[in-house]
Protein backbone atom coordinates (compact mmCIF):
# COMPACT_ATOMS: atom_id res chain seq x y z
CA UNK A 1 -40.03 -0.58 15.22
CA UNK A 2 -40.60 -3.91 13.48
CA UNK A 3 -37.68 -3.32 11.13
CA UNK A 4 -35.11 -2.86 13.88
CA UNK A 5 -32.60 -5.69 14.03
CA UNK A 6 -29.76 -6.68 16.32
CA UNK A 7 -26.20 -7.52 15.41
CA UNK A 8 -26.93 -11.16 16.25
CA UNK A 9 -29.89 -11.25 13.87
CA UNK A 10 -27.82 -9.67 11.11
CA UNK A 11 -25.10 -12.29 11.63
CA UNK A 12 -27.78 -14.95 11.19
CA UNK A 13 -28.46 -13.60 7.68
CA UNK A 14 -24.86 -14.21 6.63
CA UNK A 15 -23.53 -17.38 5.06
CA UNK A 16 -20.46 -18.45 3.11
CA UNK A 17 -20.43 -17.89 -0.66
CA UNK A 18 -23.16 -15.24 -0.73
CA UNK A 19 -23.11 -12.00 -2.72
CA UNK A 20 -23.09 -8.73 -0.79
CA UNK A 21 -23.29 -5.14 -1.98
CA UNK A 22 -21.69 -2.52 0.26
CA UNK A 23 -22.37 1.17 -0.23
CA UNK A 24 -19.87 3.98 0.07
CA UNK A 25 -17.26 5.72 -2.04
CA UNK A 26 -13.72 5.62 -0.70
CA UNK A 27 -15.43 4.46 2.52
CA UNK A 28 -17.44 7.70 2.62
CA UNK A 29 -20.95 6.53 3.44
CA UNK A 30 -19.81 2.97 4.11
CA UNK A 31 -21.67 1.00 6.81
CA UNK A 32 -18.67 0.36 9.06
CA UNK A 33 -20.79 -1.19 11.82
CA UNK A 34 -22.28 -3.74 9.43
CA UNK A 35 -18.82 -4.51 8.09
CA UNK A 36 -17.78 -5.19 11.69
CA UNK A 37 -20.55 -7.77 11.93
CA UNK A 38 -19.34 -9.52 8.76
CA UNK A 39 -15.82 -9.67 10.16
CA UNK A 40 -16.99 -10.98 13.52
CA UNK A 41 -19.23 -13.61 11.93
CA UNK A 42 -16.39 -15.47 10.23
CA UNK A 43 -18.20 -15.88 6.89
CA UNK A 44 -15.92 -16.31 3.89
CA UNK A 45 -15.77 -16.81 0.11
CA UNK A 46 -18.02 -13.82 -0.40
CA UNK A 47 -18.67 -12.05 -3.68
CA UNK A 48 -18.47 -8.31 -3.06
CA UNK A 49 -19.99 -5.57 -5.21
CA UNK A 50 -18.55 -2.19 -4.24
CA UNK A 51 -17.44 0.84 -6.20
CA UNK A 52 -13.96 0.52 -4.63
CA UNK A 53 -12.21 -1.17 -1.72
CA UNK A 54 -11.37 1.92 0.30
CA UNK A 55 -8.18 1.34 2.23
CA UNK A 56 -7.01 -1.67 4.25
CA UNK A 57 -8.37 0.07 7.36
CA UNK A 58 -11.64 1.51 6.04
CA UNK A 59 -14.83 0.41 4.33
CA UNK A 60 -15.00 -2.84 2.41
CA UNK A 61 -11.21 -2.82 2.25
CA UNK A 62 -11.27 -4.36 5.72
CA UNK A 63 -12.95 -7.43 4.25
CA UNK A 64 -10.23 -7.64 1.62
CA UNK A 65 -7.53 -7.48 4.29
CA UNK A 66 -9.26 -10.26 6.25
CA UNK A 67 -9.42 -12.37 3.07
CA UNK A 68 -13.16 -12.87 3.29
CA UNK A 69 -13.77 -11.99 -0.36
CA UNK A 70 -13.48 -14.53 -3.17
CA UNK A 71 -14.68 -12.35 -6.05
CA UNK A 72 -14.86 -8.58 -6.36
CA UNK A 73 -16.77 -6.31 -8.74
CA UNK A 74 -15.38 -2.78 -8.44
CA UNK A 75 -14.50 0.31 -10.47
CA UNK A 76 -11.07 0.95 -8.99
CA UNK A 77 -8.77 -0.64 -6.45
CA UNK A 78 -5.77 1.69 -6.52
CA UNK A 79 -6.28 3.09 -3.02
CA UNK A 80 -5.94 -0.35 -1.45
CA UNK A 81 -2.64 -2.03 -2.31
CA UNK A 82 -3.76 -5.27 -0.63
CA UNK A 83 -6.53 -5.67 -3.22
CA UNK A 84 -4.03 -5.47 -6.05
CA UNK A 85 -1.63 -7.84 -4.34
CA UNK A 86 -4.32 -10.47 -3.79
CA UNK A 87 -5.52 -10.09 -7.38
CA UNK A 88 -2.01 -10.51 -8.76
CA UNK A 89 -1.40 -13.58 -6.60
CA UNK A 90 -4.61 -15.21 -7.79
CA UNK A 91 -6.15 -15.27 -4.32
CA UNK A 92 -8.85 -12.76 -5.32
CA UNK A 93 -10.87 -12.76 -8.54
CA UNK A 94 -11.47 -9.18 -9.64
CA UNK A 95 -13.75 -7.89 -12.37
CA UNK A 96 -13.00 -4.20 -12.94
CA UNK A 97 -16.10 -2.42 -14.18
CA UNK A 98 -16.14 1.19 -15.45
CA UNK A 99 -17.84 3.25 -12.77
CA UNK A 100 -20.76 4.41 -14.90
CA UNK A 101 -21.29 0.86 -16.12
CA UNK A 102 -21.22 -0.45 -12.55
CA UNK A 103 -23.89 2.04 -11.55
CA UNK A 104 -26.03 1.11 -14.54
CA UNK A 105 -25.69 -2.63 -13.96
CA UNK A 106 -26.89 -2.20 -10.39
CA UNK A 107 -29.67 0.13 -11.49
CA UNK A 108 -30.75 -2.40 -14.13
CA UNK A 109 -31.10 -5.08 -11.48
CA UNK A 110 -33.19 -2.78 -9.32
CA UNK A 111 -35.41 -1.82 -12.25
CA UNK A 112 -35.90 -5.39 -13.42
CA UNK A 113 -34.12 -4.81 -16.73
CA UNK A 114 -32.33 -7.50 -18.69
CA UNK A 115 -29.22 -5.38 -19.03
CA UNK A 116 -27.90 -2.09 -20.40
CA UNK A 117 -26.16 -1.19 -23.64
CA UNK A 118 -23.03 0.94 -23.52
CA UNK A 119 -20.12 1.71 -25.85
CA UNK A 120 -17.78 1.98 -22.86
CA UNK A 121 -15.18 -0.77 -22.95
CA UNK A 122 -15.47 -1.71 -26.61
CA UNK A 123 -12.14 -2.95 -27.92
CA UNK A 124 -10.72 -3.43 -24.42
CA UNK A 125 -10.43 -6.23 -21.88
CA UNK A 126 -13.80 -5.10 -20.52
CA UNK A 127 -15.45 -6.48 -23.67
CA UNK A 128 -14.01 -9.99 -23.42
CA UNK A 129 -16.74 -12.65 -23.40
CA UNK A 130 -19.57 -10.12 -23.69
CA UNK A 131 -22.19 -9.77 -26.40
CA UNK A 132 -21.82 -6.88 -28.84
CA UNK A 133 -25.11 -5.54 -30.21
CA UNK A 134 -25.31 -3.24 -33.21
CA UNK A 135 -28.00 -0.56 -33.24
CA UNK A 136 -28.31 1.91 -36.13
CA UNK A 137 -24.80 1.02 -37.21
CA UNK A 138 -23.23 1.55 -33.79
CA UNK A 139 -21.81 -1.20 -31.57
CA UNK A 140 -22.68 -1.52 -27.90
CA UNK A 141 -21.69 -3.93 -25.15
CA UNK A 142 -24.51 -5.72 -23.40
CA UNK A 143 -23.80 -5.37 -19.69
CA UNK A 144 -25.92 -7.66 -17.53
CA UNK A 145 -27.51 -6.66 -14.22
CA UNK A 146 -25.71 -7.03 -10.90
CA UNK A 147 -27.87 -8.21 -8.02
CA UNK A 148 -26.96 -9.32 -4.50
CA UNK A 149 -28.30 -11.50 -1.73
CA UNK A 150 -27.68 -8.68 0.74
CA UNK A 151 -27.14 -4.94 0.46
CA UNK A 152 -25.49 -3.20 3.40
CA UNK A 153 -25.93 0.57 3.20
CA UNK A 154 -25.60 3.52 5.57
CA UNK A 155 -28.06 6.35 6.04
CA UNK A 156 -27.28 9.71 7.60
CA UNK A 157 -30.84 10.02 8.93
CA UNK A 158 -33.22 7.05 9.09
CA UNK A 159 -36.71 6.96 10.55
CA UNK A 160 -38.29 4.00 12.31
CA UNK A 161 -40.15 2.99 9.16
CA UNK A 162 -36.93 2.79 7.14
CA UNK A 163 -37.01 5.97 5.09
CA UNK A 164 -33.46 7.14 4.47
CA UNK A 165 -31.74 10.49 3.89
CA UNK A 166 -28.06 10.66 2.91
CA UNK A 167 -25.98 13.75 3.63
CA UNK A 168 -24.01 15.18 0.74
CA UNK A 169 -21.69 12.70 -0.99
CA UNK A 170 -22.56 9.83 1.36
CA UNK A 171 -25.42 9.25 -1.07
CA UNK A 172 -23.08 7.80 -3.76
CA UNK A 173 -23.97 4.14 -4.47
CA UNK A 174 -26.19 3.61 -1.42
CA UNK A 175 -29.61 4.43 -2.98
CA UNK A 176 -29.22 2.25 -6.06
CA UNK A 177 -27.81 -0.68 -4.06
CA UNK A 178 -30.91 -0.51 -1.88
CA UNK A 179 -33.00 -1.46 -4.94
CA UNK A 180 -30.89 -4.39 -6.12
CA UNK A 181 -30.70 -6.95 -3.32
CA UNK A 182 -32.99 -9.57 -1.86
CA UNK A 183 -32.48 -8.17 1.65
CA UNK A 184 -31.47 -4.59 2.45
CA UNK A 185 -30.04 -3.55 5.82
CA UNK A 186 -29.46 0.13 6.55
CA UNK A 187 -27.11 1.26 9.28
CA UNK A 188 -28.57 4.41 10.81
CA UNK A 189 -26.18 7.19 11.75
CA UNK A 190 -29.08 9.11 13.29
CA UNK A 191 -32.43 7.47 14.05
CA UNK A 192 -35.52 9.69 14.15
CA UNK A 193 -39.26 9.31 14.50
CA UNK A 194 -41.33 8.46 11.46
CA UNK A 195 -42.37 11.69 9.79
CA UNK A 196 -39.31 13.67 10.91
CA UNK A 197 -37.74 13.40 7.44
CA UNK A 198 -39.49 15.68 4.97
CA UNK A 199 -40.97 13.53 2.16
CA UNK A 200 -39.03 15.40 -0.53
CA UNK A 201 -35.79 14.66 1.35
CA UNK A 202 -36.23 10.87 1.32
CA UNK A 203 -33.58 9.34 -0.94
CA UNK A 204 -34.43 5.69 -0.24
CA UNK A 205 -38.10 5.00 0.52
CA UNK A 206 -38.90 2.56 3.32
CA UNK A 207 -40.33 -0.04 0.94
CA UNK A 208 -36.77 -0.89 -0.14
CA UNK A 209 -35.48 -1.38 3.42
CA UNK A 210 -35.97 -4.69 5.21
CA UNK A 211 -33.99 -4.00 8.37
CA UNK A 212 -32.60 -1.06 10.36
CA UNK A 213 -29.45 -1.39 12.44
CA UNK A 214 -28.15 1.18 14.87
CA UNK A 215 -24.78 0.30 16.30
CA UNK A 216 -22.72 2.13 18.86
């Protein structure tokens, strides 16, 4: 029970200008209760790492609508017209990252790697300002790790120790984000006793989870 945390304690972790990762894909598997806490806290000028920005009413897109985000790393923004409008107006800095590259950059941070090499993006805007490394006659972009101050994820089933199971496609970016932040908070959809999740069904082991939140 030591890992359980209140909304007030989560709000105390937040500050302006920090970097936050938020799990989910098209808001599927997004920690909506934790996003509520960000909105209620009033923090601003955040850097957000998220595979997309959902819609204006769902997932991390709600933070975009509230203009709490200063910089965004994402793979696509087409489902949220407000993201594109803010980017075009200069109010939001956006770095579009190919989805596989985004996953690898987060994984690299979690694994303690100095970066990953990929041919994806060579000869495009993605390559601007990045190192190109030639190996065996082939060119690769050096993509540096992405790490956050906080990772907010959502688990379908979470035990009191912090072991997490994700149902179906809610797994998406949640497990890798749990490895790549200084503090990890999991929002539990269903909270169970320690030992109720079969060991082979644990997607995120408890050692990666600092806090457990169970909202309404």
